[in-house]
Amino acid sequence: PSDVAPSDVAPSDVAPSAEQRVVLYNGTNADDLKDPTRLGILAAAHHRVESPACHLDKTRVRRLAFAAGLPNWNLAAAPCLRSRLAPGVHATPSQLEAVEAAEAAVRVALDVGPTENMRVRVMSRAGDAALATLELDASRVEEVAVGGDAFDVVSAELGKRGMWLSDVRAFESGSVAKRLVFPDDDDSDAAGDDDDTAGDDGGGKVAWSSLFLRFAPVVVASSSSAPGPLERWDAEHCEIAMAGGDPFVVSFGTTWCGPCHVLEPELETLAKFTWEFDDSIAVAKLDAEASPAEEALAGRLGVDAYPTTIWMVGGREAHRVEGALPAAALVQLTASLVMDGEVAEVARATRPEMFAPVPLEP
């Protein structure tokens, strides 16, 4: 109202002037930035959220909080609920509510204190049943060993919420993004390296921290880029490939999609595999939001979740998978769907580790 004095107006009710800009801050620290797939960090980067504590590790943050007299300085980390779901498991209100209720019950059953880490993670889902793991501080894992009384108690609590407890493991921040690394996969550019950089993205290695802190746009290489095992396609390149009829594998994703980043090194491994045994099979990534043309192509193909990987033969879809899969699963699907039978047998004999039994759906 016009008769209200400026001092009586709440700050949230005052629109910024042309000379002002709104700045949002979060508590992201240096340890958080080691995992480039954290969905919150990806969203924060997209919306230009600033991270003043980004150069401090968690230990330093806790020490400063203690020095400031904050009562919560040593409380356990509270990761977002989405991290309770493995890549490929859809996040729904009912799914997240079930996980939250399960964790509350486990905290009571095991007397987990506020300074102790604990997490229930859904690894896969089939209908009304979910396969779950329990993560605890390493010092407490042994007391919930499989077959013991504590394990049975926790299993019963999870069972009430439609979950089957398959494993108890040590809590590890960022473990949702960890992937399988095969012994033969010793390429220095593989994402399994311990450094904090992403793979080659059209111009040398890019530090993930620089992506988040400087908010540098992710550069998606066009079809005219120098060829490599994993190709970057635009809509036109994909349309040409479909019209040509040759077999190929294309994965639709976005720059903000965490599971898409988890999947990329697995696609790299698949691309190297097909390059070795049948280089007529292209493996490509496509940014579904790069331009209206890519958005339209994704719409025509019915892609409404990311990542979605499609196997094409003769210009027709042979199979698709929504979510991230390990390289071994991608290899086995490719061998059975688009690879010549004799070539697939040679590949199986030459690289048996890639044909070890793994789930072929997320």
Protein backbone atom coordinates (compact mmCIF):
# COMPACT_ATOMS: atom_id res chain seq x y z
CA PRO A 1 0.00 0.00 0.00
CA SER A 2 1.16 3.51 -0.70
CA ASP A 3 0.67 4.63 2.91
CA VAL A 4 3.10 2.05 4.29
CA ALA A 5 6.48 3.45 5.26
CA PRO A 6 9.51 1.84 3.57
CA SER A 7 10.79 0.64 6.95
CA ASP A 8 7.58 -1.38 7.46
CA VAL A 9 7.97 -3.36 4.23
CA ALA A 10 9.54 -6.81 4.58
CA PRO A 11 12.70 -7.27 2.49
CA SER A 12 11.09 -10.19 0.64
CA ASP A 13 8.32 -7.84 -0.56
CA VAL A 14 10.71 -5.38 -2.15
CA ALA A 15 11.56 -5.99 -5.80
CA PRO A 16 15.21 -5.34 -6.72
CA SER A 17 15.87 -2.15 -8.61
CA ALA A 18 17.58 -2.00 -11.99
CA GLU A 19 20.88 -1.38 -10.20
CA GLN A 20 20.48 -4.40 -7.92
CA ARG A 21 20.63 -8.11 -8.56
CA VAL A 22 19.54 -11.02 -6.43
CA VAL A 23 22.33 -13.39 -5.41
CA LEU A 24 21.60 -16.83 -3.98
CA TYR A 25 24.18 -18.64 -1.85
CA ASN A 26 24.51 -22.28 -0.84
CA GLY A 27 26.78 -24.27 1.47
CA THR A 28 28.64 -26.27 -1.16
CA ASN A 29 32.16 -27.06 0.02
CA ALA A 30 35.34 -28.29 -1.66
CA ASP A 31 34.61 -31.95 -0.88
CA ASP A 32 31.17 -31.67 -2.51
CA LEU A 33 32.76 -30.48 -5.75
CA LYS A 34 34.73 -33.72 -6.10
CA ASP A 35 31.54 -35.39 -7.34
CA PRO A 36 30.39 -33.73 -10.60
CA THR A 37 27.10 -35.62 -10.69
CA ARG A 38 25.49 -34.09 -7.59
CA LEU A 39 22.11 -32.92 -8.81
CA GLY A 40 21.97 -30.00 -6.37
CA ILE A 41 25.30 -28.66 -7.58
CA LEU A 42 24.25 -29.06 -11.21
CA ALA A 43 21.01 -27.17 -10.50
CA ALA A 44 22.87 -24.49 -8.56
CA ALA A 45 25.26 -23.98 -11.47
CA HIS A 46 22.35 -23.72 -13.87
CA HIS A 47 20.72 -20.98 -11.74
CA ARG A 48 23.96 -19.09 -10.97
CA VAL A 49 23.93 -19.87 -7.25
CA GLU A 50 27.21 -18.84 -5.59
CA SER A 51 29.19 -21.01 -3.15
CA PRO A 52 31.26 -18.91 -0.72
CA ALA A 53 32.54 -22.02 1.13
CA CYS A 54 33.67 -23.81 -2.02
CA HIS A 55 37.37 -23.57 -1.12
CA LEU A 56 36.90 -25.11 2.34
CA ASP A 57 36.73 -28.85 2.91
CA LYS A 58 34.17 -30.36 5.30
CA THR A 59 36.63 -30.65 8.16
CA ARG A 60 37.49 -26.96 7.91
CA VAL A 61 33.79 -26.03 7.77
CA ARG A 62 33.14 -28.03 10.96
CA ARG A 63 36.07 -26.39 12.75
CA LEU A 64 34.83 -22.94 11.82
CA ALA A 65 31.30 -23.85 12.94
CA PHE A 66 32.69 -25.08 16.27
CA ALA A 67 34.71 -21.88 16.70
CA ALA A 68 31.56 -19.86 16.01
CA GLY A 69 29.69 -21.77 18.71
CA LEU A 70 27.15 -23.37 16.39
CA PRO A 71 25.39 -26.28 18.16
CA ASN A 72 25.18 -28.37 14.99
CA TRP A 73 28.90 -28.28 14.15
CA ASN A 74 29.35 -32.06 14.51
CA LEU A 75 25.98 -33.36 13.33
CA ALA A 76 25.95 -35.97 10.58
CA ALA A 77 25.65 -34.76 7.00
CA ALA A 78 22.11 -34.60 5.63
CA PRO A 79 22.35 -35.41 1.91
CA CYS A 80 19.32 -34.76 -0.23
CA LEU A 81 16.64 -37.43 -0.52
CA ARG A 82 17.36 -37.87 -4.25
CA SER A 83 20.73 -39.41 -3.34
CA ARG A 84 18.79 -42.24 -1.70
CA LEU A 85 17.85 -43.50 -5.17
CA ALA A 86 20.43 -45.10 -7.44
CA PRO A 87 20.77 -43.71 -10.99
CA GLY A 88 17.82 -44.86 -13.09
CA VAL A 89 15.39 -45.23 -10.16
CA HIS A 90 12.56 -42.76 -10.67
CA ALA A 91 12.06 -40.18 -7.92
CA THR A 92 8.41 -40.05 -6.92
CA PRO A 93 6.81 -38.58 -3.77
CA SER A 94 5.73 -42.03 -2.56
CA GLN A 95 9.21 -43.50 -3.17
CA LEU A 96 10.95 -40.71 -1.28
CA GLU A 97 8.42 -40.81 1.56
CA ALA A 98 9.01 -44.56 1.93
CA VAL A 99 12.79 -44.04 2.13
CA GLU A 100 12.39 -41.25 4.67
CA ALA A 101 10.11 -43.41 6.82
CA ALA A 102 12.50 -46.36 6.54
CA GLU A 103 15.44 -44.25 7.70
CA ALA A 104 13.47 -42.92 10.66
CA ALA A 105 12.61 -46.49 11.69
CA VAL A 106 16.22 -47.69 11.28
CA ARG A 107 17.52 -44.81 13.41
CA VAL A 108 15.23 -45.90 16.23
CA ALA A 109 15.89 -49.64 15.79
CA LEU A 110 19.70 -49.25 15.79
CA ASP A 111 19.82 -46.19 18.09
CA VAL A 112 21.69 -44.17 15.47
CA GLY A 113 22.73 -40.87 17.04
CA PRO A 114 22.54 -37.40 15.44
CA THR A 115 26.31 -37.35 14.83
CA GLU A 116 26.29 -40.73 13.04
CA ASN A 117 25.83 -41.20 9.30
CA MET A 118 23.08 -43.48 8.03
CA ARG A 119 21.31 -43.86 4.70
CA VAL A 120 18.86 -46.25 3.05
CA ARG A 121 19.34 -46.37 -0.71
CA VAL A 122 16.98 -47.97 -3.24
CA MET A 123 19.16 -49.68 -5.85
CA SER A 124 16.41 -50.93 -8.17
CA ARG A 125 12.66 -51.32 -8.28
CA ALA A 126 10.27 -53.85 -9.81
CA GLY A 127 6.58 -53.16 -9.31
CA ASP A 128 5.83 -52.70 -5.61
CA ALA A 129 9.13 -54.25 -4.46
CA ALA A 130 12.42 -52.39 -4.05
CA LEU A 131 15.97 -53.66 -3.55
CA ALA A 132 17.72 -51.53 -0.91
CA THR A 133 21.06 -51.17 0.84
CA LEU A 134 21.81 -49.72 4.26
CA GLU A 135 24.83 -47.46 4.78
CA LEU A 136 26.28 -46.83 8.24
CA ASP A 137 29.49 -45.43 9.65
CA ALA A 138 32.23 -48.01 9.08
CA SER A 139 32.53 -48.69 12.82
CA ARG A 140 28.93 -49.93 12.94
CA VAL A 141 28.70 -52.04 9.79
CA GLU A 142 29.83 -55.27 11.48
CA GLU A 143 27.07 -55.18 14.10
CA VAL A 144 24.47 -55.36 11.31
CA ALA A 145 26.10 -58.30 9.53
CA VAL A 146 23.93 -60.45 7.29
CA GLY A 147 22.25 -63.20 9.31
CA GLY A 148 22.53 -61.41 12.66
CA ASP A 149 19.69 -60.20 14.90
CA ALA A 150 20.25 -56.54 14.01
CA PHE A 151 20.13 -57.35 10.29
CA ASP A 152 16.82 -59.18 10.80
CA VAL A 153 15.37 -56.23 12.71
CA VAL A 154 16.37 -53.76 9.99
CA SER A 155 15.10 -56.12 7.27
CA ALA A 156 11.73 -56.27 9.01
CA GLU A 157 11.50 -52.47 9.23
CA LEU A 158 12.35 -52.05 5.56
CA GLY A 159 9.99 -54.87 4.62
CA LYS A 160 7.09 -52.94 6.14
CA ARG A 161 7.82 -50.26 3.57
CA GLY A 162 8.13 -52.52 0.53
CA MET A 163 11.92 -52.84 0.57
CA TRP A 164 14.19 -55.89 0.59
CA LEU A 165 17.52 -55.33 2.35
CA SER A 166 20.31 -56.81 0.25
CA ASP A 167 23.47 -55.35 1.77
CA VAL A 168 24.96 -53.28 4.59
CA ARG A 169 27.97 -51.17 3.70
CA ALA A 170 30.06 -48.27 4.97
CA PHE A 171 28.62 -44.81 4.42
CA GLU A 172 30.48 -42.91 1.72
CA SER A 173 29.54 -39.44 0.59
CA GLY A 174 28.98 -39.28 -3.16
CA SER A 175 28.84 -43.07 -3.56
CA VAL A 176 25.66 -42.88 -5.66
CA ALA A 177 27.82 -41.79 -8.60
CA LYS A 178 30.47 -44.50 -8.27
CA ARG A 179 30.75 -46.87 -11.23
CA LEU A 180 32.30 -50.22 -12.01
CA VAL A 181 35.87 -50.05 -13.33
CA PHE A 182 37.09 -53.12 -15.17
CA PRO A 183 40.71 -54.25 -14.77
CA ASP A 184 41.47 -53.74 -18.46
CA ASP A 185 40.01 -50.22 -18.43
CA ASP A 186 43.30 -48.43 -17.77
CA ASP A 187 42.82 -45.51 -20.13
CA SER A 188 44.11 -42.38 -18.46
CA ASP A 189 41.09 -40.46 -19.73
CA ALA A 190 38.57 -42.80 -18.06
CA ALA A 191 36.31 -41.27 -15.47
CA GLY A 192 37.45 -43.83 -12.96
CA ASP A 193 40.63 -41.79 -12.35
CA ASP A 194 41.00 -40.28 -8.92
CA ASP A 195 41.48 -36.74 -10.17
CA ASP A 196 38.65 -34.25 -10.05
CA THR A 197 38.34 -33.58 -13.74
CA ALA A 198 35.84 -34.58 -16.33
CA GLY A 199 36.76 -36.41 -19.49
CA ASP A 200 37.70 -34.67 -22.70
CA ASP A 201 34.79 -32.48 -23.76
CA GLY A 202 35.84 -31.19 -27.13
CA GLY A 203 38.87 -29.29 -25.89
CA GLY A 204 41.00 -30.95 -23.25
CA LYS A 205 40.16 -31.83 -19.66
CA VAL A 206 37.85 -29.47 -17.82
CA ALA A 207 37.88 -29.23 -14.02
CA TRP A 208 34.39 -29.86 -12.73
CA SER A 209 34.95 -27.27 -10.04
CA SER A 210 35.50 -24.63 -12.73
CA LEU A 211 32.21 -25.64 -14.33
CA PHE A 212 30.37 -25.00 -11.08
CA LEU A 213 32.26 -22.02 -9.72
CA ARG A 214 32.62 -20.05 -12.94
CA PHE A 215 29.37 -21.40 -14.38
CA ALA A 216 31.06 -22.06 -17.68
CA PRO A 217 28.60 -23.46 -20.26
CA VAL A 218 29.09 -27.07 -21.20
CA VAL A 219 30.32 -27.24 -24.79
CA VAL A 220 28.73 -30.01 -26.81
CA ALA A 221 30.79 -30.96 -29.82
CA SER A 222 29.03 -30.98 -33.16
CA SER A 223 29.08 -33.75 -35.72
CA SER A 224 31.89 -31.94 -37.52
CA SER A 225 34.29 -32.43 -34.59
CA ALA A 226 37.26 -34.73 -34.92
CA PRO A 227 36.02 -38.33 -34.78
CA GLY A 228 36.50 -40.42 -31.68
CA PRO A 229 35.03 -43.55 -30.13
CA LEU A 230 32.16 -41.67 -28.43
CA GLU A 231 30.63 -39.24 -30.89
CA ARG A 232 28.64 -36.08 -30.15
CA TRP A 233 25.70 -35.75 -32.48
CA ASP A 234 23.19 -33.06 -33.28
CA ALA A 235 19.69 -33.75 -34.59
CA GLU A 236 20.75 -33.63 -38.24
CA HIS A 237 23.49 -36.22 -37.74
CA CYS A 238 21.05 -38.54 -35.97
CA GLU A 239 18.46 -38.12 -38.73
CA ILE A 240 21.11 -38.98 -41.35
CA ALA A 241 22.13 -42.08 -39.39
CA MET A 242 18.52 -43.26 -39.15
CA ALA A 243 18.00 -42.72 -42.87
CA GLY A 244 21.22 -44.61 -43.68
CA GLY A 245 20.07 -47.73 -41.86
CA ASP A 246 23.40 -48.63 -40.23
CA PRO A 247 23.20 -49.85 -36.63
CA PHE A 248 24.02 -47.32 -33.94
CA VAL A 249 23.50 -46.50 -30.27
CA VAL A 250 22.49 -42.97 -29.29
CA SER A 251 21.99 -41.66 -25.77
CA PHE A 252 19.75 -38.62 -25.23
CA GLY A 253 20.70 -36.47 -22.25
CA THR A 254 21.05 -32.92 -20.97
CA THR A 255 23.80 -30.88 -19.35
CA TRP A 256 21.90 -30.63 -16.04
CA CYS A 257 21.07 -34.35 -15.73
CA GLY A 258 23.18 -36.05 -13.05
CA PRO A 259 22.64 -39.64 -14.26
CA CYS A 260 23.66 -38.49 -17.75
CA HIS A 261 27.09 -37.58 -16.39
CA VAL A 262 27.23 -40.93 -14.58
CA LEU A 263 26.43 -42.70 -17.86
CA GLU A 264 28.98 -40.87 -20.03
CA PRO A 265 32.10 -42.88 -19.01
CA GLU A 266 30.10 -46.09 -19.50
CA LEU A 267 29.23 -44.95 -23.03
CA GLU A 268 32.90 -44.18 -23.61
CA THR A 269 33.75 -47.77 -22.69
CA LEU A 270 31.00 -49.08 -24.98
CA ALA A 271 32.29 -46.88 -27.83
CA LYS A 272 35.82 -48.22 -27.41
CA PHE A 273 34.42 -51.76 -27.39
CA THR A 274 32.45 -51.34 -30.63
CA TRP A 275 35.40 -49.49 -32.20
CA GLU A 276 37.56 -52.54 -31.44
CA PHE A 277 35.22 -55.25 -32.70
CA ASP A 278 32.82 -53.60 -35.19
CA ASP A 279 33.56 -49.99 -36.08
CA SER A 280 30.45 -49.82 -38.26
CA ILE A 281 28.40 -49.43 -35.05
CA ALA A 282 28.45 -45.80 -33.95
CA VAL A 283 27.96 -44.83 -30.31
CA ALA A 284 26.86 -41.24 -29.76
CA LYS A 285 25.59 -38.75 -27.21
CA LEU A 286 22.96 -36.17 -28.12
CA ASP A 287 22.06 -33.12 -26.03
CA ALA A 288 18.28 -33.12 -26.18
CA GLU A 289 18.09 -29.43 -25.24
CA ALA A 290 20.92 -28.06 -27.40
CA SER A 291 18.47 -26.42 -29.82
CA PRO A 292 14.83 -26.69 -30.95
CA ALA A 293 15.90 -29.27 -33.55
CA GLU A 294 17.20 -31.65 -30.87
CA GLU A 295 14.12 -31.04 -28.70
CA ALA A 296 11.87 -31.85 -31.66
CA LEU A 297 13.79 -35.03 -32.45
CA ALA A 298 13.56 -36.20 -28.84
CA GLY A 299 9.83 -35.50 -28.93
CA ARG A 300 9.31 -37.48 -32.15
CA LEU A 301 11.16 -40.45 -30.67
CA GLY A 302 9.14 -40.27 -27.45
CA VAL A 303 12.10 -39.42 -25.23
CA ASP A 304 10.69 -37.94 -22.01
CA ALA A 305 13.30 -39.01 -19.43
CA TYR A 306 17.05 -38.58 -19.28
CA PRO A 307 19.24 -40.34 -20.01
CA THR A 308 17.45 -42.47 -22.60
CA THR A 309 19.67 -44.76 -24.67
CA ILE A 310 18.28 -46.16 -27.93
CA TRP A 311 19.62 -48.98 -30.10
CA MET A 312 18.72 -48.50 -33.78
CA VAL A 313 18.90 -51.03 -36.63
CA GLY A 314 17.78 -50.33 -40.20
CA GLY A 315 16.38 -46.96 -39.19
CA ARG A 316 14.09 -48.55 -36.59
CA GLU A 317 14.31 -48.71 -32.84
CA ALA A 318 15.39 -52.12 -31.53
CA HIS A 319 15.48 -51.32 -27.82
CA ARG A 320 15.67 -48.46 -25.34
CA VAL A 321 16.70 -48.03 -21.71
CA GLU A 322 15.91 -45.11 -19.41
CA GLY A 323 18.56 -44.44 -16.77
CA ALA A 324 22.23 -45.22 -16.32
CA LEU A 325 23.69 -48.70 -16.85
CA PRO A 326 27.22 -50.04 -16.33
CA ALA A 327 29.37 -50.53 -19.41
CA ALA A 328 29.04 -54.32 -19.23
CA ALA A 329 25.26 -54.08 -19.56
CA LEU A 330 25.55 -51.67 -22.49
CA VAL A 331 28.03 -54.00 -24.20
CA GLN A 332 25.81 -57.06 -23.74
CA LEU A 333 22.74 -55.26 -25.08
CA THR A 334 24.72 -53.99 -28.07
CA ALA A 335 26.11 -57.45 -28.81
CA SER A 336 22.66 -59.04 -28.74
CA LEU A 337 20.74 -56.27 -30.51
CA VAL A 338 22.93 -54.75 -33.24
CA MET A 339 26.14 -56.77 -33.55
CA ASP A 340 26.72 -59.60 -36.00
CA GLY A 341 26.48 -62.97 -34.25
CA GLU A 342 29.97 -64.17 -35.17
CA VAL A 343 31.52 -60.85 -34.21
CA ALA A 344 29.70 -60.99 -30.88
CA GLU A 345 31.12 -64.46 -30.18
CA VAL A 346 34.64 -63.24 -30.90
CA ALA A 347 34.06 -60.29 -28.58
CA ARG A 348 32.74 -62.57 -25.85
CA ALA A 349 35.82 -64.80 -26.07
CA THR A 350 38.22 -61.86 -26.21
CA ARG A 351 36.65 -59.69 -23.49
CA PRO A 352 34.88 -62.10 -21.11
CA GLU A 353 34.85 -59.52 -18.30
CA MET A 354 32.40 -57.44 -20.33
CA PHE A 355 29.96 -60.36 -20.45
CA ALA A 356 29.79 -61.07 -16.73
CA PRO A 357 26.18 -61.32 -15.52
CA VAL A 358 24.77 -57.85 -14.76
CA PRO A 359 21.22 -56.42 -14.74
CA LEU A 360 20.29 -55.21 -18.21
CA GLU A 361 17.81 -52.65 -16.89
CA PRO A 362 18.50 -49.85 -14.35
